[in-house]
Amino acid sequence: MSATDSDPVALEYFELTPEPVPAEVLGGESFEVWALRISGGSVRDVLTNDPVQVARREYVFAVPLDVMRRLALKLTEVYEERSGTTLSR
Protein backbone atom coordinates (compact mmCIF):
# COMPACT_ATOMS: atom_id res chain seq x y z
CA MET A 1 0.00 0.00 0.00
CA SER A 2 1.46 3.32 -1.05
CA ALA A 3 0.07 6.62 0.11
CA THR A 4 -1.00 8.93 -2.70
CA ASP A 5 -2.98 12.16 -2.97
CA SER A 6 -5.97 10.17 -4.20
CA ASP A 7 -5.59 7.40 -1.58
CA PRO A 8 -3.88 8.80 1.54
CA VAL A 9 -3.08 6.85 4.69
CA ALA A 10 -5.36 7.49 7.67
CA LEU A 11 -3.11 8.26 10.62
CA GLU A 12 -4.15 5.92 13.41
CA TYR A 13 -1.10 5.91 15.63
CA PHE A 14 2.14 7.79 16.04
CA GLU A 15 5.13 7.65 18.36
CA LEU A 16 8.07 10.01 18.66
CA THR A 17 11.25 8.71 20.28
CA PRO A 18 14.85 9.96 20.42
CA GLU A 19 17.19 8.01 18.16
CA PRO A 20 20.90 8.79 17.97
CA VAL A 21 22.32 8.63 14.46
CA PRO A 22 25.55 6.63 14.47
CA ALA A 23 28.64 8.65 13.59
CA GLU A 24 29.53 6.28 10.75
CA VAL A 25 26.27 7.14 8.97
CA LEU A 26 27.23 10.82 8.95
CA GLY A 27 30.91 10.40 8.14
CA GLY A 28 32.30 10.90 11.64
CA GLU A 29 29.83 13.23 13.35
CA SER A 30 26.81 12.10 15.33
CA PHE A 31 23.75 14.11 16.27
CA GLU A 32 20.34 13.53 17.79
CA VAL A 33 17.29 12.94 15.67
CA TRP A 34 13.89 11.64 16.63
CA ALA A 35 12.18 8.64 15.11
CA LEU A 36 8.63 9.47 14.10
CA ARG A 37 6.73 6.22 13.66
CA ILE A 38 3.38 6.57 11.93
CA SER A 39 0.99 3.76 11.19
CA GLY A 40 -2.39 3.55 9.58
CA GLY A 41 -4.42 2.16 6.75
CA SER A 42 -5.77 3.48 3.50
CA VAL A 43 -8.46 6.12 4.11
CA ARG A 44 -10.62 4.36 1.54
CA ASP A 45 -10.26 1.04 3.39
CA VAL A 46 -10.78 2.57 6.84
CA LEU A 47 -14.01 4.24 5.72
CA THR A 48 -15.47 1.28 3.83
CA ASN A 49 -14.34 -1.80 5.78
CA ASP A 50 -14.30 -3.20 9.28
CA PRO A 51 -11.35 -1.37 10.91
CA VAL A 52 -10.00 -4.67 12.24
CA GLN A 53 -9.72 -5.97 8.66
CA VAL A 54 -7.80 -2.97 7.28
CA ALA A 55 -4.20 -3.64 6.26
CA ARG A 56 -1.90 -1.31 8.16
CA ARG A 57 1.46 0.03 7.17
CA GLU A 58 4.13 1.59 9.33
CA TYR A 59 6.34 4.45 8.22
CA VAL A 60 9.42 5.60 10.14
CA PHE A 61 10.98 9.01 9.57
CA ALA A 62 14.19 10.43 11.04
CA VAL A 63 13.25 13.91 12.26
CA PRO A 64 15.95 16.41 13.26
CA LEU A 65 15.00 18.87 15.99
CA ASP A 66 14.66 21.84 13.62
CA VAL A 67 12.25 19.92 11.40
CA MET A 68 10.29 18.81 14.48
CA ARG A 69 9.94 22.47 15.48
CA ARG A 70 8.60 23.49 12.06
CA LEU A 71 6.19 20.53 12.06
CA ALA A 72 4.94 21.38 15.56
CA LEU A 73 4.40 25.03 14.61
CA LYS A 74 2.49 24.11 11.45
CA LEU A 75 0.32 21.53 13.23
CA THR A 76 -0.44 24.06 15.98
CA GLU A 77 -1.27 26.76 13.44
CA VAL A 78 -3.66 24.52 11.49
CA TYR A 79 -5.30 23.18 14.67
CA GLU A 80 -5.86 26.68 16.05
CA GLU A 81 -7.30 27.95 12.75
CA ARG A 82 -9.65 25.00 12.32
CA SER A 83 -10.78 24.66 15.95
CA GLY A 84 -10.96 28.34 16.88
CA THR A 85 -8.97 27.45 20.00
CA THR A 86 -5.59 28.84 21.03
CA LEU A 87 -3.19 26.35 22.55
CA SER A 88 -1.15 27.54 25.50
CA ARG A 89 2.55 27.85 24.74
C-alpha atoms as a PDB file:
ATOM      1  CA  MET A   1       0.000   0.000   0.000  1.00  0.00           C
ATOM      2  CA  SER A   2       1.456   3.320  -1.051  1.00  0.00           C
ATOM      3  CA  ALA A   3       0.069   6.620   0.110  1.00  0.00           C
ATOM      4  CA  THR A   4      -1.001   8.932  -2.705  1.00  0.00           C
ATOM      5  CA  ASP A   5      -2.982  12.162  -2.971  1.00  0.00           C
ATOM      6  CA  SER A   6      -5.967  10.166  -4.204  1.00  0.00           C
ATOM      7  CA  ASP A   7      -5.594   7.397  -1.580  1.00  0.00           C
ATOM      8  CA  PRO A   8      -3.879   8.796   1.541  1.00  0.00           C
ATOM      9  CA  VAL A   9      -3.085   6.846   4.688  1.00  0.00           C
ATOM     10  CA  ALA A  10      -5.363   7.490   7.668  1.00  0.00           C
ATOM     11  CA  LEU A  11      -3.114   8.264  10.620  1.00  0.00           C
ATOM     12  CA  GLU A  12      -4.152   5.923  13.407  1.00  0.00           C
ATOM     13  CA  TYR A  13      -1.096   5.912  15.631  1.00  0.00           C
ATOM     14  CA  PHE A  14       2.141   7.795  16.044  1.00  0.00           C
ATOM     15  CA  GLU A  15       5.129   7.648  18.356  1.00  0.00           C
ATOM     16  CA  LEU A  16       8.075  10.012  18.659  1.00  0.00           C
ATOM     17  CA  THR A  17      11.247   8.708  20.283  1.00  0.00           C
ATOM     18  CA  PRO A  18      14.850   9.960  20.419  1.00  0.00           C
ATOM     19  CA  GLU A  19      17.186   8.012  18.164  1.00  0.00           C
ATOM     20  CA  PRO A  20      20.900   8.785  17.973  1.00  0.00           C
ATOM     21  CA  VAL A  21      22.321   8.630  14.460  1.00  0.00           C
ATOM     22  CA  PRO A  22      25.546   6.626  14.467  1.00  0.00           C
ATOM     23  CA  ALA A  23      28.644   8.650  13.587  1.00  0.00           C
ATOM     24  CA  GLU A  24      29.534   6.276  10.751  1.00  0.00           C
ATOM     25  CA  VAL A  25      26.269   7.138   8.968  1.00  0.00           C
ATOM     26  CA  LEU A  26      27.233  10.819   8.950  1.00  0.00           C
ATOM     27  CA  GLY A  27      30.913  10.405   8.136  1.00  0.00           C
ATOM     28  CA  GLY A  28      32.303  10.895  11.638  1.00  0.00           C
ATOM     29  CA  GLU A  29      29.831  13.227  13.355  1.00  0.00           C
ATOM     30  CA  SER A  30      26.807  12.100  15.330  1.00  0.00           C
ATOM     31  CA  PHE A  31      23.749  14.110  16.270  1.00  0.00           C
ATOM     32  CA  GLU A  32      20.343  13.530  17.794  1.00  0.00           C
ATOM     33  CA  VAL A  33      17.293  12.944  15.674  1.00  0.00           C
ATOM     34  CA  TRP A  34      13.887  11.637  16.628  1.00  0.00           C
ATOM     35  CA  ALA A  35      12.179   8.635  15.107  1.00  0.00           C
ATOM     36  CA  LEU A  36       8.632   9.468  14.099  1.00  0.00           C
ATOM     37  CA  ARG A  37       6.726   6.221  13.664  1.00  0.00           C
ATOM     38  CA  ILE A  38       3.379   6.573  11.930  1.00  0.00           C
ATOM     39  CA  SER A  39       0.985   3.765  11.185  1.00  0.00           C
ATOM     40  CA  GLY A  40      -2.388   3.554   9.584  1.00  0.00           C
ATOM     41  CA  GLY A  41      -4.422   2.162   6.750  1.00  0.00           C
ATOM     42  CA  SER A  42      -5.769   3.479   3.499  1.00  0.00           C
ATOM     43  CA  VAL A  43      -8.463   6.122   4.113  1.00  0.00           C
ATOM     44  CA  ARG A  44     -10.619   4.365   1.544  1.00  0.00           C
ATOM     45  CA  ASP A  45     -10.260   1.044   3.389  1.00  0.00           C
ATOM     46  CA  VAL A  46     -10.780   2.574   6.844  1.00  0.00           C
ATOM     47  CA  LEU A  47     -14.015   4.236   5.721  1.00  0.00           C
ATOM     48  CA  THR A  48     -15.469   1.276   3.831  1.00  0.00           C
ATOM     49  CA  ASN A  49     -14.345  -1.797   5.785  1.00  0.00           C
ATOM     50  CA  ASP A  50     -14.304  -3.196   9.280  1.00  0.00           C
ATOM     51  CA  PRO A  51     -11.347  -1.371  10.914  1.00  0.00           C
ATOM     52  CA  VAL A  52     -10.002  -4.669  12.242  1.00  0.00           C
ATOM     53  CA  GLN A  53      -9.717  -5.968   8.661  1.00  0.00           C
ATOM     54  CA  VAL A  54      -7.797  -2.971   7.283  1.00  0.00           C
ATOM     55  CA  ALA A  55      -4.203  -3.636   6.259  1.00  0.00           C
ATOM     56  CA  ARG A  56      -1.903  -1.310   8.159  1.00  0.00           C
ATOM     57  CA  ARG A  57       1.456   0.030   7.167  1.00  0.00           C
ATOM     58  CA  GLU A  58       4.134   1.590   9.332  1.00  0.00           C
ATOM     59  CA  TYR A  59       6.337   4.450   8.215  1.00  0.00           C
ATOM     60  CA  VAL A  60       9.417   5.595  10.141  1.00  0.00           C
ATOM     61  CA  PHE A  61      10.978   9.009   9.575  1.00  0.00           C
ATOM     62  CA  ALA A  62      14.187  10.427  11.041  1.00  0.00           C
ATOM     63  CA  VAL A  63      13.248  13.907  12.259  1.00  0.00           C
ATOM     64  CA  PRO A  64      15.953  16.406  13.263  1.00  0.00           C
ATOM     65  CA  LEU A  65      15.001  18.868  15.992  1.00  0.00           C
ATOM     66  CA  ASP A  66      14.662  21.842  13.619  1.00  0.00           C
ATOM     67  CA  VAL A  67      12.247  19.921  11.396  1.00  0.00           C
ATOM     68  CA  MET A  68      10.285  18.811  14.475  1.00  0.00           C
ATOM     69  CA  ARG A  69       9.944  22.475  15.483  1.00  0.00           C
ATOM     70  CA  ARG A  70       8.595  23.485  12.059  1.00  0.00           C
ATOM     71  CA  LEU A  71       6.190  20.529  12.056  1.00  0.00           C
ATOM     72  CA  ALA A  72       4.940  21.382  15.561  1.00  0.00           C
ATOM     73  CA  LEU A  73       4.398  25.028  14.610  1.00  0.00           C
ATOM     74  CA  LYS A  74       2.491  24.109  11.450  1.00  0.00           C
ATOM     75  CA  LEU A  75       0.323  21.527  13.231  1.00  0.00           C
ATOM     76  CA  THR A  76      -0.443  24.058  15.980  1.00  0.00           C
ATOM     77  CA  GLU A  77      -1.274  26.764  13.435  1.00  0.00           C
ATOM     78  CA  VAL A  78      -3.663  24.524  11.493  1.00  0.00           C
ATOM     79  CA  TYR A  79      -5.296  23.181  14.667  1.00  0.00           C
ATOM     80  CA  GLU A  80      -5.862  26.683  16.052  1.00  0.00           C
ATOM     81  CA  GLU A  81      -7.305  27.954  12.750  1.00  0.00           C
ATOM     82  CA  ARG A  82      -9.651  25.002  12.323  1.00  0.00           C
ATOM     83  CA  SER A  83     -10.778  24.661  15.948  1.00  0.00           C
ATOM     84  CA  GLY A  84     -10.964  28.340  16.884  1.00  0.00           C
ATOM     85  CA  THR A  85      -8.968  27.449  19.996  1.00  0.00           C
ATOM     86  CA  THR A  86      -5.595  28.839  21.032  1.00  0.00           C
ATOM     87  CA  LEU A  87      -3.191  26.351  22.545  1.00  0.00           C
ATOM     88  CA  SER A  88      -1.147  27.544  25.502  1.00  0.00           C
ATOM     89  CA  ARG A  89       2.546  27.850  24.741  1.00  0.00           C
END
